[in-house]
């Protein structure tokens, strides 16, 4: 496994070769880190399809699809030779990572995550933005046990402990891992893709 950590600016030296073409990229990170925006930009630069796992997981009225159907949808979506997928769903991690050649981990400080999450959520609520399959975020949902803010608080530290362990497992040894620690580092990483 090759690992590049933006804390040491190591991603500048990511090799590109026929063997390491980085055409199948999984983007992970805590809710609010900007996975979808980053994945969309990456897919554009690579001219590869963008697969948003949320769109395959949520049915209308925030109904979750059964796991077997979710897994089948993900398998079908990853049939092409190149793609950029974003999402953290453990139910399909084995499918995504076994087919990926790179994982980009957006590992930003908690204050950055929360600031982004507040702005994103308020925009969605007040503009009535349509999400996957017509779903929308509502102001009342911010004060329930399923609040995106509570989810961010509950999962932030867990993901920071979890990802190094998961990525070091033998079945993931084929992956190149890029750990980006700030939005600025993400921008710099995207600029390296533009130069290819």
C-alpha atoms as a PDB file:
ATOM      1  CA  UNK A   1       0.000   0.000   0.000  1.00  0.00           C
ATOM      2  CA  UNK A   2       1.308   3.439  -0.928  1.00  0.00           C
ATOM      3  CA  UNK A   3       0.327   6.157   1.524  1.00  0.00           C
ATOM      4  CA  UNK A   4       0.583   9.892   0.967  1.00  0.00           C
ATOM      5  CA  UNK A   5      -0.221  12.266   3.782  1.00  0.00           C
ATOM      6  CA  UNK A   6      -0.664  15.949   3.063  1.00  0.00           C
ATOM      7  CA  UNK A   7       0.845  16.635   6.474  1.00  0.00           C
ATOM      8  CA  UNK A   8       4.170  15.870   4.816  1.00  0.00           C
ATOM      9  CA  UNK A   9       3.115  17.102   1.352  1.00  0.00           C
ATOM     10  CA  UNK A  10       3.808  13.586   0.118  1.00  0.00           C
ATOM     11  CA  UNK A  11       0.987  13.607  -2.411  1.00  0.00           C
ATOM     12  CA  UNK A  12       3.145  15.716  -4.732  1.00  0.00           C
ATOM     13  CA  UNK A  13       5.104  12.582  -5.585  1.00  0.00           C
ATOM     14  CA  UNK A  14       2.234  10.219  -6.401  1.00  0.00           C
ATOM     15  CA  UNK A  15       3.473   8.156  -9.342  1.00  0.00           C
ATOM     16  CA  UNK A  16       1.390   7.747 -12.491  1.00  0.00           C
ATOM     17  CA  UNK A  17       2.093   4.717 -14.619  1.00  0.00           C
ATOM     18  CA  UNK A  18       0.116   2.067 -16.514  1.00  0.00           C
ATOM     19  CA  UNK A  19       0.148  -0.035 -13.349  1.00  0.00           C
ATOM     20  CA  UNK A  20      -0.859   2.865 -11.112  1.00  0.00           C
ATOM     21  CA  UNK A  21      -3.287   4.820 -13.241  1.00  0.00           C
ATOM     22  CA  UNK A  22      -5.644   5.877 -10.437  1.00  0.00           C
ATOM     23  CA  UNK A  23      -8.811   5.657 -12.466  1.00  0.00           C
ATOM     24  CA  UNK A  24     -10.991   4.181  -9.699  1.00  0.00           C
ATOM     25  CA  UNK A  25     -11.040   6.456  -6.674  1.00  0.00           C
ATOM     26  CA  UNK A  26     -12.995   6.179  -3.432  1.00  0.00           C
ATOM     27  CA  UNK A  27     -13.450   9.440  -1.500  1.00  0.00           C
ATOM     28  CA  UNK A  28     -14.165   9.071   2.217  1.00  0.00           C
ATOM     29  CA  UNK A  29     -14.431  11.380   5.228  1.00  0.00           C
ATOM     30  CA  UNK A  30     -16.752  12.565   7.957  1.00  0.00           C
ATOM     31  CA  UNK A  31     -20.143  13.999   7.021  1.00  0.00           C
ATOM     32  CA  UNK A  32     -19.690  17.609   5.946  1.00  0.00           C
ATOM     33  CA  UNK A  33     -16.092  17.201   4.789  1.00  0.00           C
ATOM     34  CA  UNK A  34     -17.042  17.859   1.166  1.00  0.00           C
ATOM     35  CA  UNK A  35     -16.743  14.349  -0.239  1.00  0.00           C
ATOM     36  CA  UNK A  36     -19.298  14.887  -2.986  1.00  0.00           C
ATOM     37  CA  UNK A  37     -17.875  18.211  -4.144  1.00  0.00           C
ATOM     38  CA  UNK A  38     -14.337  16.806  -4.127  1.00  0.00           C
ATOM     39  CA  UNK A  39     -15.436  13.637  -5.949  1.00  0.00           C
ATOM     40  CA  UNK A  40     -17.348  15.642  -8.544  1.00  0.00           C
ATOM     41  CA  UNK A  41     -14.279  17.791  -9.266  1.00  0.00           C
ATOM     42  CA  UNK A  42     -12.035  14.726  -9.419  1.00  0.00           C
ATOM     43  CA  UNK A  43     -14.378  12.921 -11.799  1.00  0.00           C
ATOM     44  CA  UNK A  44     -14.400  15.957 -14.067  1.00  0.00           C
ATOM     45  CA  UNK A  45     -10.599  16.114 -14.132  1.00  0.00           C
ATOM     46  CA  UNK A  46     -10.320  12.389 -14.871  1.00  0.00           C
ATOM     47  CA  UNK A  47     -13.277  12.392 -17.255  1.00  0.00           C
ATOM     48  CA  UNK A  48     -14.712   9.531 -15.194  1.00  0.00           C
ATOM     49  CA  UNK A  49     -18.251   8.863 -13.903  1.00  0.00           C
ATOM     50  CA  UNK A  50     -19.106  10.172 -10.440  1.00  0.00           C
ATOM     51  CA  UNK A  51     -20.994   7.738  -8.208  1.00  0.00           C
ATOM     52  CA  UNK A  52     -22.627   9.205  -5.107  1.00  0.00           C
ATOM     53  CA  UNK A  53     -23.444   6.391  -2.696  1.00  0.00           C
ATOM     54  CA  UNK A  54     -26.167   8.456  -1.002  1.00  0.00           C
ATOM     55  CA  UNK A  55     -28.125   8.448  -4.268  1.00  0.00           C
ATOM     56  CA  UNK A  56     -28.042   4.636  -4.324  1.00  0.00           C
ATOM     57  CA  UNK A  57     -28.895   4.265  -0.634  1.00  0.00           C
ATOM     58  CA  UNK A  58     -31.833   6.630  -0.117  1.00  0.00           C
ATOM     59  CA  UNK A  59     -35.304   6.115  -1.522  1.00  0.00           C
ATOM     60  CA  UNK A  60     -37.991   8.852  -1.401  1.00  0.00           C
ATOM     61  CA  UNK A  61     -39.058  10.018   2.067  1.00  0.00           C
ATOM     62  CA  UNK A  62     -35.632   9.079   3.515  1.00  0.00           C
ATOM     63  CA  UNK A  63     -36.290   5.352   3.301  1.00  0.00           C
ATOM     64  CA  UNK A  64     -33.103   3.282   3.272  1.00  0.00           C
ATOM     65  CA  UNK A  65     -32.919   0.552   0.659  1.00  0.00           C
ATOM     66  CA  UNK A  66     -32.348  -3.014   1.886  1.00  0.00           C
ATOM     67  CA  UNK A  67     -28.666  -3.952   2.047  1.00  0.00           C
ATOM     68  CA  UNK A  68     -28.845  -6.579  -0.695  1.00  0.00           C
ATOM     69  CA  UNK A  69     -30.388  -4.084  -3.120  1.00  0.00           C
ATOM     70  CA  UNK A  70     -27.909  -1.392  -2.077  1.00  0.00           C
ATOM     71  CA  UNK A  71     -24.983  -3.741  -2.716  1.00  0.00           C
ATOM     72  CA  UNK A  72     -26.370  -4.718  -6.105  1.00  0.00           C
ATOM     73  CA  UNK A  73     -26.821  -1.069  -7.108  1.00  0.00           C
ATOM     74  CA  UNK A  74     -23.231  -0.318  -6.126  1.00  0.00           C
ATOM     75  CA  UNK A  75     -21.885  -3.313  -8.067  1.00  0.00           C
ATOM     76  CA  UNK A  76     -23.770  -2.191 -11.161  1.00  0.00           C
ATOM     77  CA  UNK A  77     -22.539   1.395 -10.803  1.00  0.00           C
ATOM     78  CA  UNK A  78     -18.888   0.341 -10.634  1.00  0.00           C
ATOM     79  CA  UNK A  79     -18.791  -1.753 -13.815  1.00  0.00           C
ATOM     80  CA  UNK A  80     -16.799   0.748 -15.878  1.00  0.00           C
ATOM     81  CA  UNK A  81     -13.010   0.994 -16.017  1.00  0.00           C
ATOM     82  CA  UNK A  82     -12.939   4.384 -14.306  1.00  0.00           C
ATOM     83  CA  UNK A  83     -15.051   6.113 -11.689  1.00  0.00           C
ATOM     84  CA  UNK A  84     -14.935   8.313  -8.599  1.00  0.00           C
ATOM     85  CA  UNK A  85     -17.218   7.242  -5.769  1.00  0.00           C
ATOM     86  CA  UNK A  86     -17.962   9.127  -2.560  1.00  0.00           C
ATOM     87  CA  UNK A  87     -19.433   7.831   0.668  1.00  0.00           C
ATOM     88  CA  UNK A  88     -18.648   5.973   3.886  1.00  0.00           C
ATOM     89  CA  UNK A  89     -21.190   3.154   3.868  1.00  0.00           C
ATOM     90  CA  UNK A  90     -19.704   0.112   5.613  1.00  0.00           C
ATOM     91  CA  UNK A  91     -22.308  -2.124   3.927  1.00  0.00           C
ATOM     92  CA  UNK A  92     -20.562  -1.680   0.565  1.00  0.00           C
ATOM     93  CA  UNK A  93     -16.992  -0.803   1.568  1.00  0.00           C
ATOM     94  CA  UNK A  94     -15.719  -4.226   0.531  1.00  0.00           C
ATOM     95  CA  UNK A  95     -17.195  -3.791  -2.958  1.00  0.00           C
ATOM     96  CA  UNK A  96     -15.876  -0.273  -3.458  1.00  0.00           C
ATOM     97  CA  UNK A  97     -12.392  -0.737  -2.005  1.00  0.00           C
ATOM     98  CA  UNK A  98     -11.775  -4.097  -3.676  1.00  0.00           C
ATOM     99  CA  UNK A  99     -12.328  -2.423  -7.067  1.00  0.00           C
ATOM    100  CA  UNK A 100     -10.669   0.922  -6.283  1.00  0.00           C
ATOM    101  CA  UNK A 101      -7.022   1.711  -6.836  1.00  0.00           C
ATOM    102  CA  UNK A 102      -6.967   4.821  -4.628  1.00  0.00           C
ATOM    103  CA  UNK A 103      -8.711   6.032  -1.477  1.00  0.00           C
ATOM    104  CA  UNK A 104      -8.695   9.759  -0.782  1.00  0.00           C
ATOM    105  CA  UNK A 105      -9.455  10.475   2.865  1.00  0.00           C
ATOM    106  CA  UNK A 106     -10.638  14.012   3.634  1.00  0.00           C
ATOM    107  CA  UNK A 107      -9.415  14.151   7.229  1.00  0.00           C
ATOM    108  CA  UNK A 108     -10.135  17.745   8.181  1.00  0.00           C
ATOM    109  CA  UNK A 109     -10.185  19.359  11.650  1.00  0.00           C
ATOM    110  CA  UNK A 110     -13.493  19.132  13.492  1.00  0.00           C
ATOM    111  CA  UNK A 111     -14.054  22.912  13.362  1.00  0.00           C
ATOM    112  CA  UNK A 112     -13.722  22.808   9.565  1.00  0.00           C
ATOM    113  CA  UNK A 113     -16.198  19.930   9.322  1.00  0.00           C
ATOM    114  CA  UNK A 114     -18.779  21.643  11.527  1.00  0.00           C
ATOM    115  CA  UNK A 115     -18.430  24.998   9.784  1.00  0.00           C
ATOM    116  CA  UNK A 116     -18.984  23.381   6.409  1.00  0.00           C
ATOM    117  CA  UNK A 117     -21.854  21.260   7.711  1.00  0.00           C
ATOM    118  CA  UNK A 118     -23.667  24.277   9.172  1.00  0.00           C
ATOM    119  CA  UNK A 119     -23.354  26.235   5.910  1.00  0.00           C
ATOM    120  CA  UNK A 120     -24.395  23.282   3.769  1.00  0.00           C
ATOM    121  CA  UNK A 121     -27.360  22.342   5.945  1.00  0.00           C
ATOM    122  CA  UNK A 122     -28.671  25.898   6.247  1.00  0.00           C
ATOM    123  CA  UNK A 123     -28.412  26.345   2.471  1.00  0.00           C
ATOM    124  CA  UNK A 124     -30.296  23.109   1.868  1.00  0.00           C
ATOM    125  CA  UNK A 125     -33.002  23.946   4.390  1.00  0.00           C
ATOM    126  CA  UNK A 126     -33.640  27.503   3.268  1.00  0.00           C
ATOM    127  CA  UNK A 127     -33.431  26.874  -0.481  1.00  0.00           C
ATOM    128  CA  UNK A 128     -35.462  23.639  -0.258  1.00  0.00           C
ATOM    129  CA  UNK A 129     -32.701  21.922  -2.225  1.00  0.00           C
ATOM    130  CA  UNK A 130     -33.747  18.585  -3.676  1.00  0.00           C
ATOM    131  CA  UNK A 131     -31.397  15.748  -2.798  1.00  0.00           C
ATOM    132  CA  UNK A 132     -31.472  12.089  -3.795  1.00  0.00           C
ATOM    133  CA  UNK A 133     -34.835  10.862  -5.044  1.00  0.00           C
ATOM    134  CA  UNK A 134     -36.556  14.093  -4.081  1.00  0.00           C
ATOM    135  CA  UNK A 135     -35.520  14.078  -0.412  1.00  0.00           C
ATOM    136  CA  UNK A 136     -35.049  17.377   1.403  1.00  0.00           C
ATOM    137  CA  UNK A 137     -33.540  18.467   4.697  1.00  0.00           C
ATOM    138  CA  UNK A 138     -35.946  20.269   7.040  1.00  0.00           C
ATOM    139  CA  UNK A 139     -35.330  22.539   9.988  1.00  0.00           C
ATOM    140  CA  UNK A 140     -37.179  20.175  12.329  1.00  0.00           C
ATOM    141  CA  UNK A 141     -34.702  17.419  11.454  1.00  0.00           C
ATOM    142  CA  UNK A 142     -31.884  19.403  13.029  1.00  0.00           C
ATOM    143  CA  UNK A 143     -33.301  18.819  16.516  1.00  0.00           C
ATOM    144  CA  UNK A 144     -33.799  15.053  16.461  1.00  0.00           C
ATOM    145  CA  UNK A 145     -31.583  12.072  17.285  1.00  0.00           C
ATOM    146  CA  UNK A 146     -30.951  11.781  13.527  1.00  0.00           C
ATOM    147  CA  UNK A 147     -29.585  15.319  13.238  1.00  0.00           C
ATOM    148  CA  UNK A 148     -26.635  15.650  10.868  1.00  0.00           C
ATOM    149  CA  UNK A 149     -24.837  17.641  13.568  1.00  0.00           C
ATOM    150  CA  UNK A 150     -25.195  14.869  16.141  1.00  0.00           C
ATOM    151  CA  UNK A 151     -24.086  12.363  13.513  1.00  0.00           C
ATOM    152  CA  UNK A 152     -20.941  14.416  12.846  1.00  0.00           C
ATOM    153  CA  UNK A 153     -20.159  14.580  16.569  1.00  0.00           C
ATOM    154  CA  UNK A 154     -20.720  10.845  17.017  1.00  0.00           C
ATOM    155  CA  UNK A 155     -18.693   9.723  14.011  1.00  0.00           C
ATOM    156  CA  UNK A 156     -15.783  12.184  13.742  1.00  0.00           C
ATOM    157  CA  UNK A 157     -13.385  10.535  16.199  1.00  0.00           C
ATOM    158  CA  UNK A 158     -14.585   7.063  15.304  1.00  0.00           C
ATOM    159  CA  UNK A 159     -13.657   7.531  11.642  1.00  0.00           C
ATOM    160  CA  UNK A 160     -10.244   8.939  12.537  1.00  0.00           C
ATOM    161  CA  UNK A 161      -9.533   5.783  14.566  1.00  0.00           C
ATOM    162  CA  UNK A 162     -11.192   3.437  12.105  1.00  0.00           C
ATOM    163  CA  UNK A 163      -9.703   4.372   8.746  1.00  0.00           C
ATOM    164  CA  UNK A 164      -6.010   3.720   9.532  1.00  0.00           C
ATOM    165  CA  UNK A 165      -6.959   0.262  10.809  1.00  0.00           C
ATOM    166  CA  UNK A 166      -9.206  -0.564   7.843  1.00  0.00           C
ATOM    167  CA  UNK A 167      -6.732   0.716   5.281  1.00  0.00           C
ATOM    168  CA  UNK A 168      -3.872  -1.315   6.737  1.00  0.00           C
ATOM    169  CA  UNK A 169      -5.707  -4.633   6.354  1.00  0.00           C
ATOM    170  CA  UNK A 170      -4.175  -7.110   3.873  1.00  0.00           C
ATOM    171  CA  UNK A 171      -7.207  -7.041   1.588  1.00  0.00           C
ATOM    172  CA  UNK A 172      -6.638  -3.316   1.074  1.00  0.00           C
ATOM    173  CA  UNK A 173      -2.907  -3.530   0.369  1.00  0.00           C
ATOM    174  CA  UNK A 174      -3.469  -2.749  -3.323  1.00  0.00           C
ATOM    175  CA  UNK A 175      -4.801   0.727  -2.514  1.00  0.00           C
ATOM    176  CA  UNK A 176      -2.901   3.967  -2.713  1.00  0.00           C
ATOM    177  CA  UNK A 177      -4.099   6.116   0.183  1.00  0.00           C
ATOM    178  CA  UNK A 178      -4.058   9.904   0.102  1.00  0.00           C
ATOM    179  CA  UNK A 179      -4.874  11.592   3.409  1.00  0.00           C
ATOM    180  CA  UNK A 180      -5.747  15.261   2.978  1.00  0.00           C
ATOM    181  CA  UNK A 181      -5.835  17.309   6.169  1.00  0.00           C
ATOM    182  CA  UNK A 182      -7.316  20.597   4.987  1.00  0.00           C
ATOM    183  CA  UNK A 183      -9.385  22.057   2.149  1.00  0.00           C
ATOM    184  CA  UNK A 184      -6.231  23.831   0.967  1.00  0.00           C
ATOM    185  CA  UNK A 185      -4.460  20.492   0.659  1.00  0.00           C
ATOM    186  CA  UNK A 186      -7.446  19.123  -1.260  1.00  0.00           C
ATOM    187  CA  UNK A 187      -7.175  22.006  -3.715  1.00  0.00           C
ATOM    188  CA  UNK A 188      -3.472  21.358  -4.142  1.00  0.00           C
ATOM    189  CA  UNK A 189      -4.111  17.670  -4.729  1.00  0.00           C
ATOM    190  CA  UNK A 190      -6.709  18.449  -7.393  1.00  0.00           C
ATOM    191  CA  UNK A 191      -4.175  20.728  -9.078  1.00  0.00           C
ATOM    192  CA  UNK A 192      -1.794  17.763  -9.387  1.00  0.00           C
ATOM    193  CA  UNK A 193      -4.519  15.886 -11.270  1.00  0.00           C
ATOM    194  CA  UNK A 194      -4.955  18.849 -13.620  1.00  0.00           C
ATOM    195  CA  UNK A 195      -1.275  18.640 -14.499  1.00  0.00           C
ATOM    196  CA  UNK A 196      -1.478  14.993 -15.632  1.00  0.00           C
END
